[in-house]
């Protein structure tokens, strides 16, 4: 049940973030659901491997490289999911920041 709640919160956060940012577009609710699923899988499987591989670069940049890594993962999700469009790297970077904030607020508001 908790996984479904997290998936729902991620979907709502993606929809809100896409609404706030003109460089991001979501075609439908179904595309948002699939985007949340793919982004969650990428963050669970690919992101930890990339963090370990780029650890020296993250140490040198005092952890700021993680933001770039998040933006690249958003772009990867955009290339996989039809109906989720990110216009540039900078919009992906801003989306990852806004998405994180919105998701954190929604997790605080929605009990679970």
PDB file of N, CA and C in Angstrom:
ATOM      1  N   UNK A   1       0.815  -1.197   0.000  1.00  0.00           N
ATOM      2  CA  UNK A   1       0.000   0.000   0.000  1.00  0.00           C
ATOM      3  C   UNK A   1       0.856   1.257   0.000  1.00  0.00           C
ATOM      4  N   UNK A   2       1.965   1.200   0.729  1.00  0.00           N
ATOM      5  CA  UNK A   2       2.852   2.359   0.819  1.00  0.00           C
ATOM      6  C   UNK A   2       3.486   2.692  -0.535  1.00  0.00           C
ATOM      7  N   UNK A   3       3.788   1.652  -1.318  1.00  0.00           N
ATOM      8  CA  UNK A   3       4.374   1.878  -2.646  1.00  0.00           C
ATOM      9  C   UNK A   3       3.384   2.610  -3.544  1.00  0.00           C
ATOM     10  N   UNK A   4       2.114   2.225  -3.486  1.00  0.00           N
ATOM     11  CA  UNK A   4       1.098   2.900  -4.294  1.00  0.00           C
ATOM     12  C   UNK A   4       0.922   4.351  -3.862  1.00  0.00           C
ATOM     13  N   UNK A   5       0.980   4.597  -2.566  1.00  0.00           N
ATOM     14  CA  UNK A   5       0.874   5.965  -2.067  1.00  0.00           C
ATOM     15  C   UNK A   5       2.060   6.807  -2.543  1.00  0.00           C
ATOM     16  N   UNK A   6       3.268   6.246  -2.486  1.00  0.00           N
ATOM     17  CA  UNK A   6       4.447   6.971  -2.982  1.00  0.00           C
ATOM     18  C   UNK A   6       4.348   7.232  -4.482  1.00  0.00           C
ATOM     19  N   UNK A   7       3.837   6.278  -5.227  1.00  0.00           N
ATOM     20  CA  UNK A   7       3.658   6.445  -6.664  1.00  0.00           C
ATOM     21  C   UNK A   7       2.645   7.556  -6.943  1.00  0.00           C
ATOM     22  N   UNK A   8       1.563   7.581  -6.170  1.00  0.00           N
ATOM     23  CA  UNK A   8       0.558   8.633  -6.318  1.00  0.00           C
ATOM     24  C   UNK A   8       1.158  10.008  -6.003  1.00  0.00           C
ATOM     25  N   UNK A   9       1.920  10.097  -4.927  1.00  0.00           N
ATOM     26  CA  UNK A   9       2.544  11.375  -4.542  1.00  0.00           C
ATOM     27  C   UNK A   9       3.530  11.829  -5.617  1.00  0.00           C
ATOM     28  N   UNK A  10       4.312  10.894  -6.151  1.00  0.00           N
ATOM     29  CA  UNK A  10       5.254  11.255  -7.220  1.00  0.00           C
ATOM     30  C   UNK A  10       4.516  11.750  -8.466  1.00  0.00           C
ATOM     31  N   UNK A  11       3.398  11.102  -8.785  1.00  0.00           N
ATOM     32  CA  UNK A  11       2.616  11.521  -9.952  1.00  0.00           C
ATOM     33  C   UNK A  11       2.080  12.931  -9.768  1.00  0.00           C
ATOM     34  N   UNK A  12       1.533  13.209  -8.611  1.00  0.00           N
ATOM     35  CA  UNK A  12       1.017  14.562  -8.327  1.00  0.00           C
ATOM     36  C   UNK A  12       2.156  15.576  -8.357  1.00  0.00           C
ATOM     37  N   UNK A  13       3.314  15.228  -7.793  1.00  0.00           N
ATOM     38  CA  UNK A  13       4.462  16.134  -7.799  1.00  0.00           C
ATOM     39  C   UNK A  13       4.947  16.395  -9.222  1.00  0.00           C
ATOM     40  N   UNK A  14       4.921  15.391 -10.069  1.00  0.00           N
ATOM     41  CA  UNK A  14       5.320  15.580 -11.474  1.00  0.00           C
ATOM     42  C   UNK A  14       4.336  16.498 -12.174  1.00  0.00           C
ATOM     43  N   UNK A  15       3.043  16.297 -11.951  1.00  0.00           N
ATOM     44  CA  UNK A  15       2.040  17.160 -12.580  1.00  0.00           C
ATOM     45  C   UNK A  15       2.169  18.610 -12.122  1.00  0.00           C
ATOM     46  N   UNK A  16       2.374  18.815 -10.829  1.00  0.00           N
ATOM     47  CA  UNK A  16       2.529  20.181 -10.304  1.00  0.00           C
ATOM     48  C   UNK A  16       3.792  20.824 -10.853  1.00  0.00           C
ATOM     49  N   UNK A  17       4.896  20.081 -10.857  1.00  0.00           N
ATOM     50  CA  UNK A  17       6.161  20.627 -11.349  1.00  0.00           C
ATOM     51  C   UNK A  17       6.070  20.970 -12.828  1.00  0.00           C
ATOM     52  N   UNK A  18       5.435  20.105 -13.607  1.00  0.00           N
ATOM     53  CA  UNK A  18       5.277  20.374 -15.036  1.00  0.00           C
ATOM     54  C   UNK A  18       4.373  21.580 -15.278  1.00  0.00           C
ATOM     55  N   UNK A  19       3.381  21.754 -14.408  1.00  0.00           N
ATOM     56  CA  UNK A  19       2.503  22.925 -14.534  1.00  0.00           C
ATOM     57  C   UNK A  19       3.260  24.217 -14.236  1.00  0.00           C
ATOM     58  N   UNK A  20       4.162  24.171 -13.269  1.00  0.00           N
ATOM     59  CA  UNK A  20       4.904  25.377 -12.873  1.00  0.00           C
ATOM     60  C   UNK A  20       6.009  25.758 -13.838  1.00  0.00           C
ATOM     61  N   UNK A  21       6.543  24.791 -14.578  1.00  0.00           N
ATOM     62  CA  UNK A  21       7.698  25.044 -15.442  1.00  0.00           C
ATOM     63  C   UNK A  21       7.294  24.966 -16.913  1.00  0.00           C
ATOM     64  N   UNK A  22       7.474  26.047 -17.665  1.00  0.00           N
ATOM     65  CA  UNK A  22       7.054  26.032 -19.076  1.00  0.00           C
ATOM     66  C   UNK A  22       7.921  25.148 -19.971  1.00  0.00           C
ATOM     67  N   UNK A  23       9.103  24.777 -19.553  1.00  0.00           N
ATOM     68  CA  UNK A  23       9.970  23.932 -20.365  1.00  0.00           C
ATOM     69  C   UNK A  23       9.689  22.448 -20.225  1.00  0.00           C
ATOM     70  N   UNK A  24       8.711  22.094 -19.409  1.00  0.00           N
ATOM     71  CA  UNK A  24       8.338  20.700 -19.164  1.00  0.00           C
ATOM     72  C   UNK A  24       6.892  20.524 -19.589  1.00  0.00           C
ATOM     73  N   UNK A  25       6.604  19.431 -20.297  1.00  0.00           N
ATOM     74  CA  UNK A  25       5.202  19.182 -20.639  1.00  0.00           C
ATOM     75  C   UNK A  25       4.860  17.714 -20.418  1.00  0.00           C
ATOM     76  N   UNK A  26       3.672  17.517 -19.905  1.00  0.00           N
ATOM     77  CA  UNK A  26       3.088  16.197 -19.691  1.00  0.00           C
ATOM     78  C   UNK A  26       1.816  16.154 -20.517  1.00  0.00           C
ATOM     79  N   UNK A  27       1.700  15.152 -21.354  1.00  0.00           N
ATOM     80  CA  UNK A  27       0.561  15.083 -22.262  1.00  0.00           C
ATOM     81  C   UNK A  27      -0.727  14.659 -21.560  1.00  0.00           C
ATOM     82  N   UNK A  28      -0.646  13.736 -20.596  1.00  0.00           N
ATOM     83  CA  UNK A  28      -1.867  13.229 -19.969  1.00  0.00           C
ATOM     84  C   UNK A  28      -1.555  12.686 -18.576  1.00  0.00           C
ATOM     85  N   UNK A  29      -2.599  12.309 -17.872  1.00  0.00           N
ATOM     86  CA  UNK A  29      -2.435  11.695 -16.556  1.00  0.00           C
ATOM     87  C   UNK A  29      -1.730  10.346 -16.683  1.00  0.00           C
ATOM     88  N   UNK A  30      -2.032   9.622 -17.734  1.00  0.00           N
ATOM     89  CA  UNK A  30      -1.365   8.344 -17.967  1.00  0.00           C
ATOM     90  C   UNK A  30       0.135   8.516 -18.175  1.00  0.00           C
ATOM     91  N   UNK A  31       0.503   9.557 -18.905  1.00  0.00           N
ATOM     92  CA  UNK A  31       1.926   9.842 -19.106  1.00  0.00           C
ATOM     93  C   UNK A  31       2.588  10.214 -17.785  1.00  0.00           C
ATOM     94  N   UNK A  32       1.876  10.922 -16.924  1.00  0.00           N
ATOM     95  CA  UNK A  32       2.422  11.281 -15.611  1.00  0.00           C
ATOM     96  C   UNK A  32       2.601  10.037 -14.741  1.00  0.00           C
ATOM     97  N   UNK A  33       1.646   9.112 -14.803  1.00  0.00           N
ATOM     98  CA  UNK A  33       1.763   7.869 -14.041  1.00  0.00           C
ATOM     99  C   UNK A  33       2.962   7.042 -14.511  1.00  0.00           C
ATOM    100  N   UNK A  34       3.128   6.943 -15.816  1.00  0.00           N
ATOM    101  CA  UNK A  34       4.258   6.187 -16.360  1.00  0.00           C
ATOM    102  C   UNK A  34       5.576   6.897 -16.060  1.00  0.00           C
ATOM    103  N   UNK A  35       5.570   8.222 -16.134  1.00  0.00           N
ATOM    104  CA  UNK A  35       6.775   8.996 -15.804  1.00  0.00           C
ATOM    105  C   UNK A  35       7.177   8.761 -14.357  1.00  0.00           C
ATOM    106  N   UNK A  36       6.206   8.756 -13.454  1.00  0.00           N
ATOM    107  CA  UNK A  36       6.514   8.512 -12.041  1.00  0.00           C
ATOM    108  C   UNK A  36       7.077   7.110 -11.842  1.00  0.00           C
ATOM    109  N   UNK A  37       6.520   6.138 -12.548  1.00  0.00           N
ATOM    110  CA  UNK A  37       7.005   4.771 -12.438  1.00  0.00           C
ATOM    111  C   UNK A  37       8.430   4.644 -12.972  1.00  0.00           C
ATOM    112  N   UNK A  38       8.675   5.180 -14.163  1.00  0.00           N
ATOM    113  CA  UNK A  38      10.009   5.078 -14.775  1.00  0.00           C
ATOM    114  C   UNK A  38      11.030   5.864 -13.968  1.00  0.00           C
ATOM    115  N   UNK A  39      10.672   7.064 -13.530  1.00  0.00           N
ATOM    116  CA  UNK A  39      11.604   7.864 -12.735  1.00  0.00           C
ATOM    117  C   UNK A  39      11.923   7.173 -11.409  1.00  0.00           C
ATOM    118  N   UNK A  40      10.923   6.553 -10.812  1.00  0.00           N
ATOM    119  CA  UNK A  40      11.164   5.805  -9.576  1.00  0.00           C
ATOM    120  C   UNK A  40      12.083   4.614  -9.796  1.00  0.00           C
ATOM    121  N   UNK A  41      11.885   3.887 -10.890  1.00  0.00           N
ATOM    122  CA  UNK A  41      12.759   2.748 -11.197  1.00  0.00           C
ATOM    123  C   UNK A  41      14.182   3.195 -11.512  1.00  0.00           C
ATOM    124  N   UNK A  42      14.308   4.272 -12.273  1.00  0.00           N
ATOM    125  CA  UNK A  42      15.642   4.790 -12.586  1.00  0.00           C
ATOM    126  C   UNK A  42      16.347   5.248 -11.317  1.00  0.00           C
ATOM    127  N   UNK A  43      15.619   5.928 -10.443  1.00  0.00           N
ATOM    128  CA  UNK A  43      16.225   6.386  -9.192  1.00  0.00           C
ATOM    129  C   UNK A  43      16.581   5.231  -8.268  1.00  0.00           C
ATOM    130  N   UNK A  44      15.854   4.127  -8.368  1.00  0.00           N
ATOM    131  CA  UNK A  44      16.136   2.976  -7.505  1.00  0.00           C
ATOM    132  C   UNK A  44      17.251   2.089  -8.047  1.00  0.00           C
ATOM    133  N   UNK A  45      17.387   2.011  -9.364  1.00  0.00           N
ATOM    134  CA  UNK A  45      18.336   1.075  -9.959  1.00  0.00           C
ATOM    135  C   UNK A  45      19.578   1.764 -10.515  1.00  0.00           C
ATOM    136  N   UNK A  46      19.388   2.764 -11.353  1.00  0.00           N
ATOM    137  CA  UNK A  46      20.508   3.385 -12.069  1.00  0.00           C
ATOM    138  C   UNK A  46      21.233   4.413 -11.205  1.00  0.00           C
ATOM    139  N   UNK A  47      20.488   5.221 -10.468  1.00  0.00           N
ATOM    140  CA  UNK A  47      21.085   6.322  -9.702  1.00  0.00           C
ATOM    141  C   UNK A  47      22.140   5.864  -8.689  1.00  0.00           C
ATOM    142  N   UNK A  48      21.900   4.812  -7.906  1.00  0.00           N
ATOM    143  CA  UNK A  48      22.951   4.401  -6.960  1.00  0.00           C
ATOM    144  C   UNK A  48      24.248   3.980  -7.644  1.00  0.00           C
ATOM    145  N   UNK A  49      24.135   3.325  -8.780  1.00  0.00           N
ATOM    146  CA  UNK A  49      25.335   2.917  -9.522  1.00  0.00           C
ATOM    147  C   UNK A  49      26.091   4.145 -10.015  1.00  0.00           C
ATOM    148  N   UNK A  50      25.359   5.108 -10.559  1.00  0.00           N
ATOM    149  CA  UNK A  50      26.000   6.321 -11.056  1.00  0.00           C
ATOM    150  C   UNK A  50      26.612   7.151  -9.931  1.00  0.00           C
ATOM    151  N   UNK A  51      25.976   7.163  -8.791  1.00  0.00           N
ATOM    152  CA  UNK A  51      26.537   7.903  -7.655  1.00  0.00           C
ATOM    153  C   UNK A  51      27.867   7.289  -7.226  1.00  0.00           C
ATOM    154  N   UNK A  52      27.932   5.971  -7.181  1.00  0.00           N
ATOM    155  CA  UNK A  52      29.190   5.313  -6.808  1.00  0.00           C
ATOM    156  C   UNK A  52      30.263   5.571  -7.862  1.00  0.00           C
ATOM    157  N   UNK A  53      29.885   5.492  -9.144  1.00  0.00           N
ATOM    158  CA  UNK A  53      30.866   5.702 -10.216  1.00  0.00           C
ATOM    159  C   UNK A  53      31.382   7.134 -10.269  1.00  0.00           C
ATOM    160  N   UNK A  54      30.547   8.090  -9.894  1.00  0.00           N
ATOM    161  CA  UNK A  54      30.950   9.497  -9.958  1.00  0.00           C
ATOM    162  C   UNK A  54      31.309  10.064  -8.585  1.00  0.00           C
ATOM    163  N   UNK A  55      31.574   9.203  -7.648  1.00  0.00           N
ATOM    164  CA  UNK A  55      31.893   9.650  -6.292  1.00  0.00           C
ATOM    165  C   UNK A  55      33.080  10.615  -6.231  1.00  0.00           C
ATOM    166  N   UNK A  56      34.186  10.345  -6.939  1.00  0.00           N
ATOM    167  CA  UNK A  56      35.294  11.315  -6.888  1.00  0.00           C
ATOM    168  C   UNK A  56      34.897  12.704  -7.396  1.00  0.00           C
ATOM    169  N   UNK A  57      34.101  12.735  -8.469  1.00  0.00           N
ATOM    170  CA  UNK A  57      33.651  14.023  -8.996  1.00  0.00           C
ATOM    171  C   UNK A  57      32.701  14.715  -8.017  1.00  0.00           C
ATOM    172  N   UNK A  58      31.872  13.944  -7.346  1.00  0.00           N
ATOM    173  CA  UNK A  58      30.973  14.524  -6.349  1.00  0.00           C
ATOM    174  C   UNK A  58      31.748  15.078  -5.160  1.00  0.00           C
ATOM    175  N   UNK A  59      32.809  14.405  -4.777  1.00  0.00           N
ATOM    176  CA  UNK A  59      33.630  14.902  -3.661  1.00  0.00           C
ATOM    177  C   UNK A  59      34.326  16.195  -4.049  1.00  0.00           C
ATOM    178  N   UNK A  60      34.855  16.238  -5.262  1.00  0.00           N
ATOM    179  CA  UNK A  60      35.555  17.441  -5.728  1.00  0.00           C
ATOM    180  C   UNK A  60      34.610  18.639  -5.802  1.00  0.00           C
ATOM    181  N   UNK A  61      33.365  18.400  -6.227  1.00  0.00           N
ATOM    182  CA  UNK A  61      32.398  19.492  -6.366  1.00  0.00           C
ATOM    183  C   UNK A  61      31.541  19.685  -5.118  1.00  0.00           C
ATOM    184  N   UNK A  62      31.957  19.051  -4.012  1.00  0.00           N
ATOM    185  CA  UNK A  62      31.230  19.167  -2.745  1.00  0.00           C
ATOM    186  C   UNK A  62      29.770  18.731  -2.866  1.00  0.00           C
ATOM    187  N   UNK A  63      29.516  17.714  -3.677  1.00  0.00           N
ATOM    188  CA  UNK A  63      28.184  17.158  -3.821  1.00  0.00           C
ATOM    189  C   UNK A  63      27.299  17.826  -4.851  1.00  0.00           C
ATOM    190  N   UNK A  64      27.766  18.904  -5.461  1.00  0.00           N
ATOM    191  CA  UNK A  64      26.932  19.608  -6.429  1.00  0.00           C
ATOM    192  C   UNK A  64      26.730  18.815  -7.718  1.00  0.00           C
ATOM    193  N   UNK A  65      27.614  17.863  -7.987  1.00  0.00           N
ATOM    194  CA  UNK A  65      27.458  17.046  -9.188  1.00  0.00           C
ATOM    195  C   UNK A  65      26.202  16.179  -9.120  1.00  0.00           C
ATOM    196  N   UNK A  66      25.699  15.929  -7.940  1.00  0.00           N
ATOM    197  CA  UNK A  66      24.465  15.143  -7.785  1.00  0.00           C
ATOM    198  C   UNK A  66      23.302  15.848  -8.479  1.00  0.00           C
ATOM    199  N   UNK A  67      23.283  17.186  -8.449  1.00  0.00           N
ATOM    200  CA  UNK A  67      22.237  17.928  -9.149  1.00  0.00           C
ATOM    201  C   UNK A  67      22.296  17.671 -10.648  1.00  0.00           C
ATOM    202  N   UNK A  68      23.499  17.652 -11.197  1.00  0.00           N
ATOM    203  CA  UNK A  68      23.674  17.376 -12.622  1.00  0.00           C
ATOM    204  C   UNK A  68      23.249  15.949 -12.932  1.00  0.00           C
ATOM    205  N   UNK A  69      23.598  15.042 -12.070  1.00  0.00           N
ATOM    206  CA  UNK A  69      23.208  13.643 -12.246  1.00  0.00           C
ATOM    207  C   UNK A  69      21.687  13.507 -12.237  1.00  0.00           C
ATOM    208  N   UNK A  70      21.013  14.201 -11.334  1.00  0.00           N
ATOM    209  CA  UNK A  70      19.543  14.171 -11.285  1.00  0.00           C
ATOM    210  C   UNK A  70      18.942  14.715 -12.574  1.00  0.00           C
ATOM    211  N   UNK A  71      19.505  15.809 -13.092  1.00  0.00           N
ATOM    212  CA  UNK A  71      19.001  16.379 -14.344  1.00  0.00           C
ATOM    213  C   UNK A  71      19.190  15.406 -15.499  1.00  0.00           C
ATOM    214  N   UNK A  72      20.316  14.719 -15.536  1.00  0.00           N
ATOM    215  CA  UNK A  72      20.547  13.734 -16.596  1.00  0.00           C
ATOM    216  C   UNK A  72      19.567  12.566 -16.497  1.00  0.00           C
ATOM    217  N   UNK A  73      19.222  12.182 -15.290  1.00  0.00           N
ATOM    218  CA  UNK A  73      18.244  11.108 -15.117  1.00  0.00           C
ATOM    219  C   UNK A  73      16.841  11.558 -15.531  1.00  0.00           C
ATOM    220  N   UNK A  74      16.520  12.819 -15.320  1.00  0.00           N
ATOM    221  CA  UNK A  74      15.240  13.357 -15.795  1.00  0.00           C
ATOM    222  C   UNK A  74      15.218  13.359 -17.323  1.00  0.00           C
ATOM    223  N   UNK A  75      16.338  13.732 -17.950  1.00  0.00           N
ATOM    224  CA  UNK A  75      16.418  13.696 -19.407  1.00  0.00           C
ATOM    225  C   UNK A  75      16.309  12.264 -19.932  1.00  0.00           C
ATOM    226  N   UNK A  76      16.903  11.317 -19.227  1.00  0.00           N
ATOM    227  CA  UNK A  76      16.778   9.913 -19.605  1.00  0.00           C
ATOM    228  C   UNK A  76      15.320   9.470 -19.526  1.00  0.00           C
ATOM    229  N   UNK A  77      14.643   9.855 -18.477  1.00  0.00           N
ATOM    230  CA  UNK A  77      13.223   9.534 -18.335  1.00  0.00           C
ATOM    231  C   UNK A  77      12.414  10.159 -19.461  1.00  0.00           C
ATOM    232  N   UNK A  78      12.757  11.381 -19.821  1.00  0.00           N
ATOM    233  CA  UNK A  78      12.071  12.069 -20.912  1.00  0.00           C
ATOM    234  C   UNK A  78      12.257  11.342 -22.244  1.00  0.00           C
ATOM    235  N   UNK A  79      13.417  10.762 -22.434  1.00  0.00           N
ATOM    236  CA  UNK A  79      13.654  10.046 -23.693  1.00  0.00           C
ATOM    237  C   UNK A  79      12.962   8.681 -23.713  1.00  0.00           C
ATOM    238  N   UNK A  80      12.652   8.135 -22.556  1.00  0.00           N
ATOM    239  CA  UNK A  80      12.000   6.820 -22.477  1.00  0.00           C
ATOM    240  C   UNK A  80      10.480   6.930 -22.550  1.00  0.00           C
ATOM    241  N   UNK A  81       9.925   7.901 -21.851  1.00  0.00           N
ATOM    242  CA  UNK A  81       8.465   7.993 -21.694  1.00  0.00           C
ATOM    243  C   UNK A  81       7.863   8.893 -22.775  1.00  0.00           C
ATOM    244  N   UNK A  82       6.986   8.329 -23.609  1.00  0.00           N
ATOM    245  CA  UNK A  82       6.271   9.197 -24.549  1.00  0.00           C
ATOM    246  C   UNK A  82       5.230  10.025 -23.785  1.00  0.00           C
ATOM    247  N   UNK A  83       5.134  11.294 -24.126  1.00  0.00           N
ATOM    248  CA  UNK A  83       4.189  12.172 -23.443  1.00  0.00           C
ATOM    249  C   UNK A  83       4.820  13.007 -22.348  1.00  0.00           C
ATOM    250  N   UNK A  84       6.086  12.749 -22.032  1.00  0.00           N
ATOM    251  CA  UNK A  84       6.837  13.559 -21.056  1.00  0.00           C
ATOM    252  C   UNK A  84       7.978  14.207 -21.817  1.00  0.00           C
ATOM    253  N   UNK A  85       7.939  15.536 -21.918  1.00  0.00           N
ATOM    254  CA  UNK A  85       8.907  16.260 -22.728  1.00  0.00           C
ATOM    255  C   UNK A  85       9.637  17.291 -21.874  1.00  0.00           C
ATOM    256  N   UNK A  86      10.960  17.269 -21.961  1.00  0.00           N
ATOM    257  CA  UNK A  86      11.814  18.253 -21.293  1.00  0.00           C
ATOM    258  C   UNK A  86      12.603  18.959 -22.392  1.00  0.00           C
ATOM    259  N   UNK A  87      12.506  20.289 -22.453  1.00  0.00           N
ATOM    260  CA  UNK A  87      13.072  21.007 -23.593  1.00  0.00           C
ATOM    261  C   UNK A  87      14.589  21.148 -23.558  1.00  0.00           C
ATOM    262  N   UNK A  88      15.214  21.158 -22.366  1.00  0.00           N
ATOM    263  CA  UNK A  88      16.671  21.314 -22.324  1.00  0.00           C
ATOM    264  C   UNK A  88      17.215  20.792 -20.990  1.00  0.00           C
ATOM    265  N   UNK A  89      18.534  20.755 -20.919  1.00  0.00           N
ATOM    266  CA  UNK A  89      19.191  20.323 -19.693  1.00  0.00           C
ATOM    267  C   UNK A  89      18.842  21.242 -18.538  1.00  0.00           C
ATOM    268  N   UNK A  90      18.785  22.536 -18.776  1.00  0.00           N
ATOM    269  CA  UNK A  90      18.518  23.501 -17.702  1.00  0.00           C
ATOM    270  C   UNK A  90      17.106  23.346 -17.159  1.00  0.00           C
ATOM    271  N   UNK A  91      16.146  23.039 -18.033  1.00  0.00           N
ATOM    272  CA  UNK A  91      14.789  22.776 -17.557  1.00  0.00           C
ATOM    273  C   UNK A  91      14.752  21.482 -16.765  1.00  0.00           C
ATOM    274  N   UNK A  92      15.544  20.502 -17.178  1.00  0.00           N
ATOM    275  CA  UNK A  92      15.615  19.241 -16.423  1.00  0.00           C
ATOM    276  C   UNK A  92      16.198  19.481 -15.037  1.00  0.00           C
ATOM    277  N   UNK A  93      17.217  20.331 -14.965  1.00  0.00           N
ATOM    278  CA  UNK A  93      17.824  20.667 -13.675  1.00  0.00           C
ATOM    279  C   UNK A  93      16.819  21.382 -12.779  1.00  0.00           C
ATOM    280  N   UNK A  94      16.120  22.350 -13.336  1.00  0.00           N
ATOM    281  CA  UNK A  94      15.118  23.075 -12.561  1.00  0.00           C
ATOM    282  C   UNK A  94      13.954  22.160 -12.176  1.00  0.00           C
ATOM    283  N   UNK A  95      13.560  21.268 -13.087  1.00  0.00           N
ATOM    284  CA  UNK A  95      12.498  20.311 -12.783  1.00  0.00           C
ATOM    285  C   UNK A  95      12.887  19.413 -11.619  1.00  0.00           C
ATOM    286  N   UNK A  96      14.128  18.938 -11.608  1.00  0.00           N
ATOM    287  CA  UNK A  96      14.537  18.044 -10.524  1.00  0.00           C
ATOM    288  C   UNK A  96      14.520  18.769  -9.178  1.00  0.00           C
ATOM    289  N   UNK A  97      14.863  20.045  -9.174  1.00  0.00           N
ATOM    290  CA  UNK A  97      14.814  20.824  -7.927  1.00  0.00           C
ATOM    291  C   UNK A  97      13.371  21.062  -7.477  1.00  0.00           C
ATOM    292  N   UNK A  98      12.532  21.522  -8.406  1.00  0.00           N
ATOM    293  CA  UNK A  98      11.134  21.804  -8.069  1.00  0.00           C
ATOM    294  C   UNK A  98      10.414  20.512  -7.683  1.00  0.00           C
ATOM    295  N   UNK A  99      10.677  19.436  -8.424  1.00  0.00           N
ATOM    296  CA  UNK A  99      10.056  18.151  -8.122  1.00  0.00           C
ATOM    297  C   UNK A  99      10.425  17.680  -6.715  1.00  0.00           C
ATOM    298  N   UNK A 100      11.674  17.850  -6.335  1.00  0.00           N
ATOM    299  CA  UNK A 100      12.102  17.437  -4.996  1.00  0.00           C
ATOM    300  C   UNK A 100      11.384  18.227  -3.911  1.00  0.00           C
ATOM    301  N   UNK A 101      11.248  19.512  -4.117  1.00  0.00           N
ATOM    302  CA  UNK A 101      10.576  20.368  -3.125  1.00  0.00           C
ATOM    303  C   UNK A 101       9.091  20.018  -3.032  1.00  0.00           C
ATOM    304  N   UNK A 102       8.434  19.917  -4.183  1.00  0.00           N
ATOM    305  CA  UNK A 102       7.000  19.613  -4.205  1.00  0.00           C
ATOM    306  C   UNK A 102       6.745  18.230  -3.607  1.00  0.00           C
ATOM    307  N   UNK A 103       7.588  17.274  -3.957  1.00  0.00           N
ATOM    308  CA  UNK A 103       7.435  15.920  -3.425  1.00  0.00           C
ATOM    309  C   UNK A 103       7.607  15.888  -1.905  1.00  0.00           C
ATOM    310  N   UNK A 104       8.584  16.620  -1.401  1.00  0.00           N
ATOM    311  CA  UNK A 104       8.803  16.674   0.046  1.00  0.00           C
ATOM    312  C   UNK A 104       7.597  17.301   0.766  1.00  0.00           C
ATOM    313  N   UNK A 105       7.056  18.371   0.186  1.00  0.00           N
ATOM    314  CA  UNK A 105       5.886  19.018   0.789  1.00  0.00           C
ATOM    315  C   UNK A 105       4.689  18.074   0.760  1.00  0.00           C
ATOM    316  N   UNK A 106       4.480  17.384  -0.359  1.00  0.00           N
ATOM    317  CA  UNK A 106       3.339  16.462  -0.455  1.00  0.00           C
ATOM    318  C   UNK A 106       3.485  15.284   0.505  1.00  0.00           C
ATOM    319  N   UNK A 107       4.702  14.799   0.690  1.00  0.00           N
ATOM    320  CA  UNK A 107       4.895  13.705   1.643  1.00  0.00           C
ATOM    321  C   UNK A 107       4.618  14.156   3.078  1.00  0.00           C
ATOM    322  N   UNK A 108       4.829  15.425   3.361  1.00  0.00           N
ATOM    323  CA  UNK A 108       4.505  15.962   4.691  1.00  0.00           C
ATOM    324  C   UNK A 108       2.992  16.120   4.873  1.00  0.00           C
ATOM    325  N   UNK A 109       2.318  16.553   3.788  1.00  0.00           N
ATOM    326  CA  UNK A 109       0.893  16.846   3.878  1.00  0.00           C
ATOM    327  C   UNK A 109       0.041  15.573   3.864  1.00  0.00           C
ATOM    328  N   UNK A 110       0.409  14.640   2.976  1.00  0.00           N
ATOM    329  CA  UNK A 110      -0.373  13.416   2.844  1.00  0.00           C
ATOM    330  C   UNK A 110       0.116  12.411   3.879  1.00  0.00           C
ATOM    331  N   UNK A 111      -0.760  11.995   4.779  1.00  0.00           N
ATOM    332  CA  UNK A 111      -0.325  11.045   5.812  1.00  0.00           C
ATOM    333  C   UNK A 111      -0.056   9.671   5.200  1.00  0.00           C
ATOM    334  N   UNK A 112       0.887   8.966   5.796  1.00  0.00           N
ATOM    335  CA  UNK A 112       1.161   7.647   5.251  1.00  0.00           C
ATOM    336  C   UNK A 112       2.352   7.061   5.908  1.00  0.00           C
TER     337      UNK A 112
END
